[in-house]
Amino acid sequence: MAVQVLFAAKPARWVEYEAPLRRALKDAGIEATIACDLPAQTVEYIVYAPNSDVQDFSVFPKLKAVLNLWAGVETVAPNPTLNVPLARMVDHGLTQGMKEWVSGHVLRHHLGMDAHIINPDHLWQAIAPPLAQDRAVTILGLGELGAVCAQTLAAFGFRVSGWSRSQRSIEGVNCYSGKDGLKAALSGAEIVVLLLPDTPATENALDAESLSWLAKGAAIINPGRGPLIDDEALLDALDSGQIGHATLDVFRVEPLPQDHPFWAHPNVTVTPHIASETRTWTASQCVAENIRRGEAGAPLLHLVDRSAGY
């Protein structure tokens, strides 16, 4: 009998995912019925986007697992009706894209490229940048994406520190955790990359106090979540010179309102939530592999530890 798979996401996503998912399931040797409108009593797996209409999982009596289409699970993990395994999306395309975006913007700020790209007065300022080994970079968030970015920057030779809620160990990275660890990780940092989840505990991780711990003129790079930064505190720090530049890809309200001060600030770069995205084909392979594992009785990949709290 075919495995019953409900695709629970916005209609535009089904248009993108239908063919890749069917192909990936077939390639994995899985006979499946996959659709957006299966009877609730038959559904065994849900391919899920947290912004879908499905919010009550208790209506699916045969449900075996929820397979998230997003890397972030903070809006679905606390759902009290979710009593089956939840797997986050860890997609090679998403990871590679984030690694490239973060590396590019870290190098941009490290090398001081803006001074030469935007130079209307044709100033000749022969100031060479320091070597990577002399630049302190901190990554807030050492999950799948943060860890990969930290390792990549360490491979360039940067002095990389990282902070996470629970203690991690990453070769070449000074890892910190907990409240005291946050100050240690940020103190003197010249470039800070935010890749934390959006939770009550991480909101305003960069506020007036924590921004003051950074090296004067530090650069902020946020491809993580908008609420990680106190916007007013960041604007004040930019105006005072405590922060030299902020490259922001995510915001509390998206699209970023046209009258938001970030657009007009000379030391803010706005990018429209493009740091990375899930690629349909590689994501579909991840989904198919987890369904194959579920049917074989094997542990699912990238399971979320919901006991940790969100």
Protein backbone atom coordinates (compact mmCIF):
# COMPACT_ATOMS: atom_id res chain seq x y z
CA MET A 1 0.00 0.00 0.00
CA ALA A 2 1.30 3.45 -0.88
CA VAL A 3 2.62 5.68 1.88
CA GLN A 4 0.30 8.67 2.39
CA VAL A 5 2.20 11.98 2.36
CA LEU A 6 0.48 15.33 2.89
CA PHE A 7 2.20 18.40 1.46
CA ALA A 8 1.26 21.22 3.83
CA ALA A 9 2.60 24.51 2.50
CA LYS A 10 1.45 27.48 0.45
CA PRO A 11 0.08 26.60 -3.01
CA ALA A 12 3.04 28.22 -4.78
CA ARG A 13 5.38 25.80 -3.00
CA TRP A 14 3.43 22.80 -4.29
CA VAL A 15 3.96 24.03 -7.84
CA GLU A 16 7.70 24.11 -7.17
CA TYR A 17 7.94 20.88 -5.19
CA GLU A 18 5.49 18.46 -6.76
CA ALA A 19 7.72 17.13 -9.55
CA PRO A 20 10.97 17.01 -7.51
CA LEU A 21 9.25 15.25 -4.61
CA ARG A 22 7.62 12.65 -6.82
CA ARG A 23 10.94 11.97 -8.52
CA ALA A 24 12.88 11.80 -5.23
CA LEU A 25 10.35 9.39 -3.70
CA LYS A 26 10.49 7.19 -6.79
CA ASP A 27 14.30 7.23 -6.80
CA ALA A 28 14.26 6.21 -3.13
CA GLY A 29 12.06 3.22 -3.98
CA ILE A 30 9.05 4.57 -2.10
CA GLU A 31 5.55 4.01 -3.42
CA ALA A 32 3.72 7.08 -2.17
CA THR A 33 0.59 9.10 -2.62
CA ILE A 34 1.55 12.74 -2.14
CA ALA A 35 -0.96 15.55 -2.35
CA CYS A 36 -2.18 18.73 -0.66
CA ASP A 37 -5.62 17.43 0.27
CA LEU A 38 -5.44 13.89 1.66
CA PRO A 39 -8.04 12.75 4.19
CA ALA A 40 -6.66 13.47 7.65
CA GLN A 41 -7.27 9.92 8.87
CA THR A 42 -4.94 8.48 6.20
CA VAL A 43 -1.94 10.83 6.51
CA GLU A 44 1.33 9.19 7.64
CA TYR A 45 3.89 11.92 6.90
CA ILE A 46 3.53 15.68 6.56
CA VAL A 47 5.95 17.68 4.45
CA TYR A 48 5.50 20.91 6.32
CA ALA A 49 6.01 24.65 6.09
CA PRO A 50 5.18 26.42 9.37
CA ASN A 51 3.20 29.12 7.52
CA SER A 52 0.74 26.54 6.18
CA ASP A 53 -2.86 26.14 7.29
CA VAL A 54 -2.05 22.97 9.23
CA GLN A 55 -1.66 23.91 12.88
CA ASP A 56 -3.50 21.08 14.68
CA PHE A 57 -1.64 17.79 14.33
CA SER A 58 -4.04 15.89 16.55
CA VAL A 59 -6.40 15.38 13.60
CA PHE A 60 -3.92 12.96 11.98
CA PRO A 61 -4.26 9.66 13.91
CA LYS A 62 -1.77 7.73 11.72
CA LEU A 63 0.88 10.47 11.60
CA LYS A 64 4.44 9.13 11.93
CA ALA A 65 6.58 12.25 11.43
CA VAL A 66 6.56 15.89 10.37
CA LEU A 67 9.29 16.81 7.89
CA ASN A 68 9.93 20.54 7.98
CA LEU A 69 10.71 22.36 4.74
CA TRP A 70 12.52 25.12 6.62
CA ALA A 71 15.75 25.06 8.61
CA GLY A 72 14.01 27.03 11.36
CA VAL A 73 11.62 25.07 13.59
CA GLU A 74 10.97 27.61 16.32
CA THR A 75 7.37 28.23 15.24
CA VAL A 76 6.39 24.55 15.03
CA ALA A 77 8.46 22.83 17.73
CA PRO A 78 6.41 24.26 20.65
CA ASN A 79 3.07 23.17 19.11
CA PRO A 80 1.35 21.16 21.89
CA THR A 81 -0.54 19.00 19.35
CA LEU A 82 2.71 17.76 17.80
CA ASN A 83 3.44 14.37 19.38
CA VAL A 84 5.49 12.71 16.63
CA PRO A 85 9.12 13.19 15.54
CA LEU A 86 9.93 16.54 13.90
CA ALA A 87 12.84 16.74 11.45
CA ARG A 88 14.33 20.05 10.43
CA MET A 89 15.41 20.71 6.85
CA VAL A 90 19.16 20.38 6.51
CA ASP A 91 19.64 20.77 2.79
CA HIS A 92 23.02 20.85 1.07
CA GLY A 93 21.84 23.69 -1.15
CA LEU A 94 20.69 25.77 1.82
CA THR A 95 23.91 25.11 3.71
CA GLN A 96 26.15 25.87 0.74
CA GLY A 97 24.25 29.05 -0.07
CA MET A 98 24.51 30.34 3.49
CA LYS A 99 28.20 29.49 3.66
CA GLU A 100 28.85 31.45 0.47
CA TRP A 101 26.73 34.48 1.50
CA VAL A 102 28.26 34.73 4.97
CA SER A 103 31.82 34.25 3.71
CA GLY A 104 31.32 36.88 1.02
CA HIS A 105 30.06 39.53 3.41
CA VAL A 106 32.63 38.74 6.10
CA LEU A 107 35.39 39.13 3.51
CA ARG A 108 33.77 42.31 2.21
CA HIS A 109 33.98 43.92 5.66
CA HIS A 110 37.35 42.38 6.49
CA LEU A 111 38.93 43.69 3.29
CA GLY A 112 37.20 47.07 3.46
CA MET A 113 35.90 46.64 -0.07
CA ASP A 114 33.19 49.31 0.18
CA ALA A 115 35.78 52.09 0.39
CA HIS A 116 36.99 51.20 -3.10
CA ILE A 117 33.71 50.14 -4.70
CA ILE A 118 31.99 53.36 -3.56
CA ASN A 119 34.62 56.09 -3.97
CA PRO A 120 33.04 59.11 -5.71
CA ASP A 121 35.87 61.44 -4.65
CA HIS A 122 38.51 59.13 -6.17
CA LEU A 123 40.47 59.05 -2.92
CA TRP A 124 43.79 57.20 -2.99
CA GLN A 125 43.93 55.52 0.40
CA ALA A 126 46.65 52.88 0.34
CA ILE A 127 45.62 51.15 3.54
CA ALA A 128 46.05 47.39 3.38
CA PRO A 129 43.67 45.26 5.48
CA PRO A 130 44.98 43.04 8.26
CA LEU A 131 45.41 39.34 7.67
CA ALA A 132 42.53 37.09 8.65
CA GLN A 133 44.54 35.79 11.60
CA ASP A 134 44.37 39.27 13.09
CA ARG A 135 40.60 39.65 12.74
CA ALA A 136 38.19 38.47 15.46
CA VAL A 137 34.92 37.06 14.08
CA THR A 138 32.09 35.77 16.25
CA ILE A 139 29.20 33.56 15.14
CA LEU A 140 26.09 33.62 17.32
CA GLY A 141 24.38 30.29 16.77
CA LEU A 142 26.28 27.06 16.20
CA GLY A 143 23.57 24.89 14.72
CA GLU A 144 23.98 23.25 11.33
CA LEU A 145 24.36 26.54 9.43
CA GLY A 146 26.34 28.38 12.09
CA ALA A 147 28.80 25.53 12.54
CA VAL A 148 29.48 25.28 8.81
CA CYS A 149 30.00 29.04 8.53
CA ALA A 150 32.30 29.03 11.57
CA GLN A 151 34.41 26.21 10.12
CA THR A 152 34.62 27.95 6.75
CA LEU A 153 35.79 31.24 8.28
CA ALA A 154 38.28 29.40 10.48
CA ALA A 155 39.67 27.78 7.34
CA PHE A 156 40.32 31.28 5.95
CA GLY A 157 42.43 31.88 9.06
CA PHE A 158 40.08 34.15 11.01
CA ARG A 159 40.09 34.02 14.80
CA VAL A 160 36.61 32.58 15.13
CA SER A 161 34.54 32.40 18.28
CA GLY A 162 31.05 30.97 18.48
CA TRP A 163 28.21 31.04 20.97
CA SER A 164 25.26 28.70 21.38
CA ARG A 165 22.68 27.91 24.03
CA SER A 166 24.35 24.59 24.86
CA GLN A 167 28.07 23.96 24.73
CA ARG A 168 29.47 22.83 21.38
CA SER A 169 32.89 21.69 20.24
CA ILE A 170 34.08 22.71 16.76
CA GLU A 171 37.66 22.34 15.62
CA GLY A 172 39.32 25.71 15.11
CA VAL A 173 36.51 27.62 16.85
CA ASN A 174 36.48 28.98 20.40
CA CYS A 175 33.05 27.82 21.57
CA TYR A 176 31.10 29.52 24.35
CA SER A 177 27.66 28.98 25.85
CA GLY A 178 25.36 30.39 28.48
CA LYS A 179 24.84 33.97 29.64
CA ASP A 180 28.43 34.54 30.72
CA GLY A 181 29.67 32.90 27.54
CA LEU A 182 27.79 35.39 25.39
CA LYS A 183 29.78 38.31 26.75
CA ALA A 184 33.03 36.39 26.37
CA ALA A 185 32.19 35.52 22.74
CA LEU A 186 31.27 39.08 21.81
CA SER A 187 33.91 41.03 23.71
CA GLY A 188 36.25 42.64 21.21
CA ALA A 189 34.62 41.01 18.19
CA GLU A 190 35.18 42.97 14.98
CA ILE A 191 32.66 41.09 12.84
CA VAL A 192 29.56 39.37 14.25
CA VAL A 193 27.36 36.96 12.29
CA LEU A 194 23.92 36.08 13.66
CA LEU A 195 22.54 32.62 12.93
CA LEU A 196 20.46 31.98 16.03
CA PRO A 197 16.85 30.74 15.97
CA ASP A 198 14.10 33.20 16.83
CA THR A 199 12.98 32.34 20.36
CA PRO A 200 12.02 34.37 23.44
CA ALA A 201 15.51 33.68 24.77
CA THR A 202 17.28 35.01 21.66
CA GLU A 203 15.14 38.09 20.94
CA ASN A 204 17.33 41.21 21.08
CA ALA A 205 20.46 39.14 21.57
CA LEU A 206 22.18 42.22 20.23
CA ASP A 207 20.89 45.10 22.33
CA ALA A 208 22.52 48.28 23.62
CA GLU A 209 24.51 46.39 26.26
CA SER A 210 25.80 43.56 24.06
CA LEU A 211 26.59 45.94 21.21
CA SER A 212 28.82 47.86 23.61
CA TRP A 213 30.95 44.74 24.15
CA LEU A 214 32.09 44.67 20.51
CA ALA A 215 35.20 46.35 19.17
CA LYS A 216 34.49 49.95 18.20
CA GLY A 217 33.53 50.11 14.53
CA ALA A 218 32.54 46.42 14.38
CA ALA A 219 30.44 45.05 11.52
CA ILE A 220 27.16 43.19 12.11
CA ILE A 221 25.95 40.58 9.59
CA ASN A 222 22.47 39.14 10.13
CA PRO A 223 21.20 36.38 7.84
CA GLY A 224 19.44 34.67 10.77
CA ARG A 225 16.26 36.23 12.14
CA GLY A 226 15.13 39.86 12.36
CA PRO A 227 14.18 39.88 16.07
CA LEU A 228 17.72 38.91 17.07
CA ILE A 229 18.62 42.61 16.93
CA ASP A 230 17.14 45.55 18.82
CA ASP A 231 16.66 47.87 15.82
CA GLU A 232 16.73 51.12 17.80
CA ALA A 233 19.83 50.07 19.71
CA LEU A 234 21.56 49.18 16.45
CA LEU A 235 20.69 52.53 14.88
CA ASP A 236 22.02 54.34 17.96
CA ALA A 237 25.24 52.28 17.83
CA LEU A 238 25.65 53.06 14.12
CA ASP A 239 25.14 56.77 14.73
CA SER A 240 27.68 56.80 17.57
CA GLY A 241 30.28 54.86 15.58
CA GLN A 242 30.28 51.92 17.97
CA ILE A 243 29.09 49.85 15.01
CA GLY A 244 30.70 50.67 11.70
CA HIS A 245 28.31 48.85 9.38
CA ALA A 246 25.36 46.46 9.47
CA THR A 247 24.54 44.08 6.63
CA LEU A 248 21.00 42.86 7.25
CA ASP A 249 19.15 40.19 5.31
CA VAL A 250 16.24 39.55 7.71
CA PHE A 251 13.86 41.90 9.49
CA ARG A 252 11.01 41.99 12.00
CA VAL A 253 8.64 42.97 9.18
CA GLU A 254 9.22 41.73 5.64
CA PRO A 255 9.33 43.21 3.09
CA LEU A 256 11.11 45.93 5.03
CA PRO A 257 8.79 48.98 5.02
CA GLN A 258 9.91 51.71 2.64
CA ASP A 259 10.05 54.28 5.46
CA HIS A 260 12.22 52.15 7.75
CA PRO A 261 15.41 53.99 8.81
CA PHE A 262 17.59 51.09 7.68
CA TRP A 263 16.95 51.99 4.04
CA ALA A 264 18.32 55.50 4.41
CA HIS A 265 21.18 54.87 6.79
CA PRO A 266 24.55 55.19 5.01
CA ASN A 267 26.09 52.41 7.08
CA VAL A 268 23.40 49.80 6.57
CA THR A 269 23.23 47.33 3.69
CA VAL A 270 19.77 45.82 3.16
CA THR A 271 19.44 42.56 1.25
CA PRO A 272 15.93 41.12 0.66
CA HIS A 273 16.10 37.82 2.61
CA ILE A 274 18.29 36.18 -0.02
CA ALA A 275 21.21 34.90 2.07
CA SER A 276 20.17 31.37 1.26
CA GLU A 277 17.13 29.31 0.45
CA THR A 278 16.13 25.70 0.31
CA ARG A 279 16.66 24.19 -3.17
CA THR A 280 13.71 22.09 -4.26
CA TRP A 281 15.65 19.12 -5.64
CA THR A 282 18.12 18.65 -2.80
CA ALA A 283 15.37 19.33 -0.24
CA SER A 284 13.14 16.75 -1.89
CA GLN A 285 15.93 14.19 -1.60
CA CYS A 286 16.18 14.96 2.14
CA VAL A 287 12.43 14.46 2.55
CA ALA A 288 12.43 11.19 0.60
CA GLU A 289 15.36 9.84 2.61
CA ASN A 290 13.57 10.50 5.89
CA ILE A 291 10.40 8.82 4.66
CA ARG A 292 12.50 5.84 3.55
CA ARG A 293 14.08 5.72 7.00
CA GLY A 294 10.72 6.03 8.71
CA GLU A 295 9.29 3.13 6.75
CA ALA A 296 12.39 1.04 7.44
CA GLY A 297 12.24 1.73 11.18
CA ALA A 298 15.53 3.64 11.10
CA PRO A 299 16.17 6.90 13.00
CA LEU A 300 15.21 10.01 11.05
CA LEU A 301 17.89 12.49 10.05
CA HIS A 302 18.10 15.90 11.76
CA LEU A 303 15.56 15.20 14.48
CA VAL A 304 14.66 18.18 16.66
CA ASP A 305 15.20 17.81 20.39
CA ARG A 306 11.94 19.40 21.53
CA SER A 307 12.80 18.83 25.20
CA ALA A 308 15.38 21.61 24.92
CA GLY A 309 12.57 24.19 24.84
CA TYR A 310 11.80 26.89 22.28
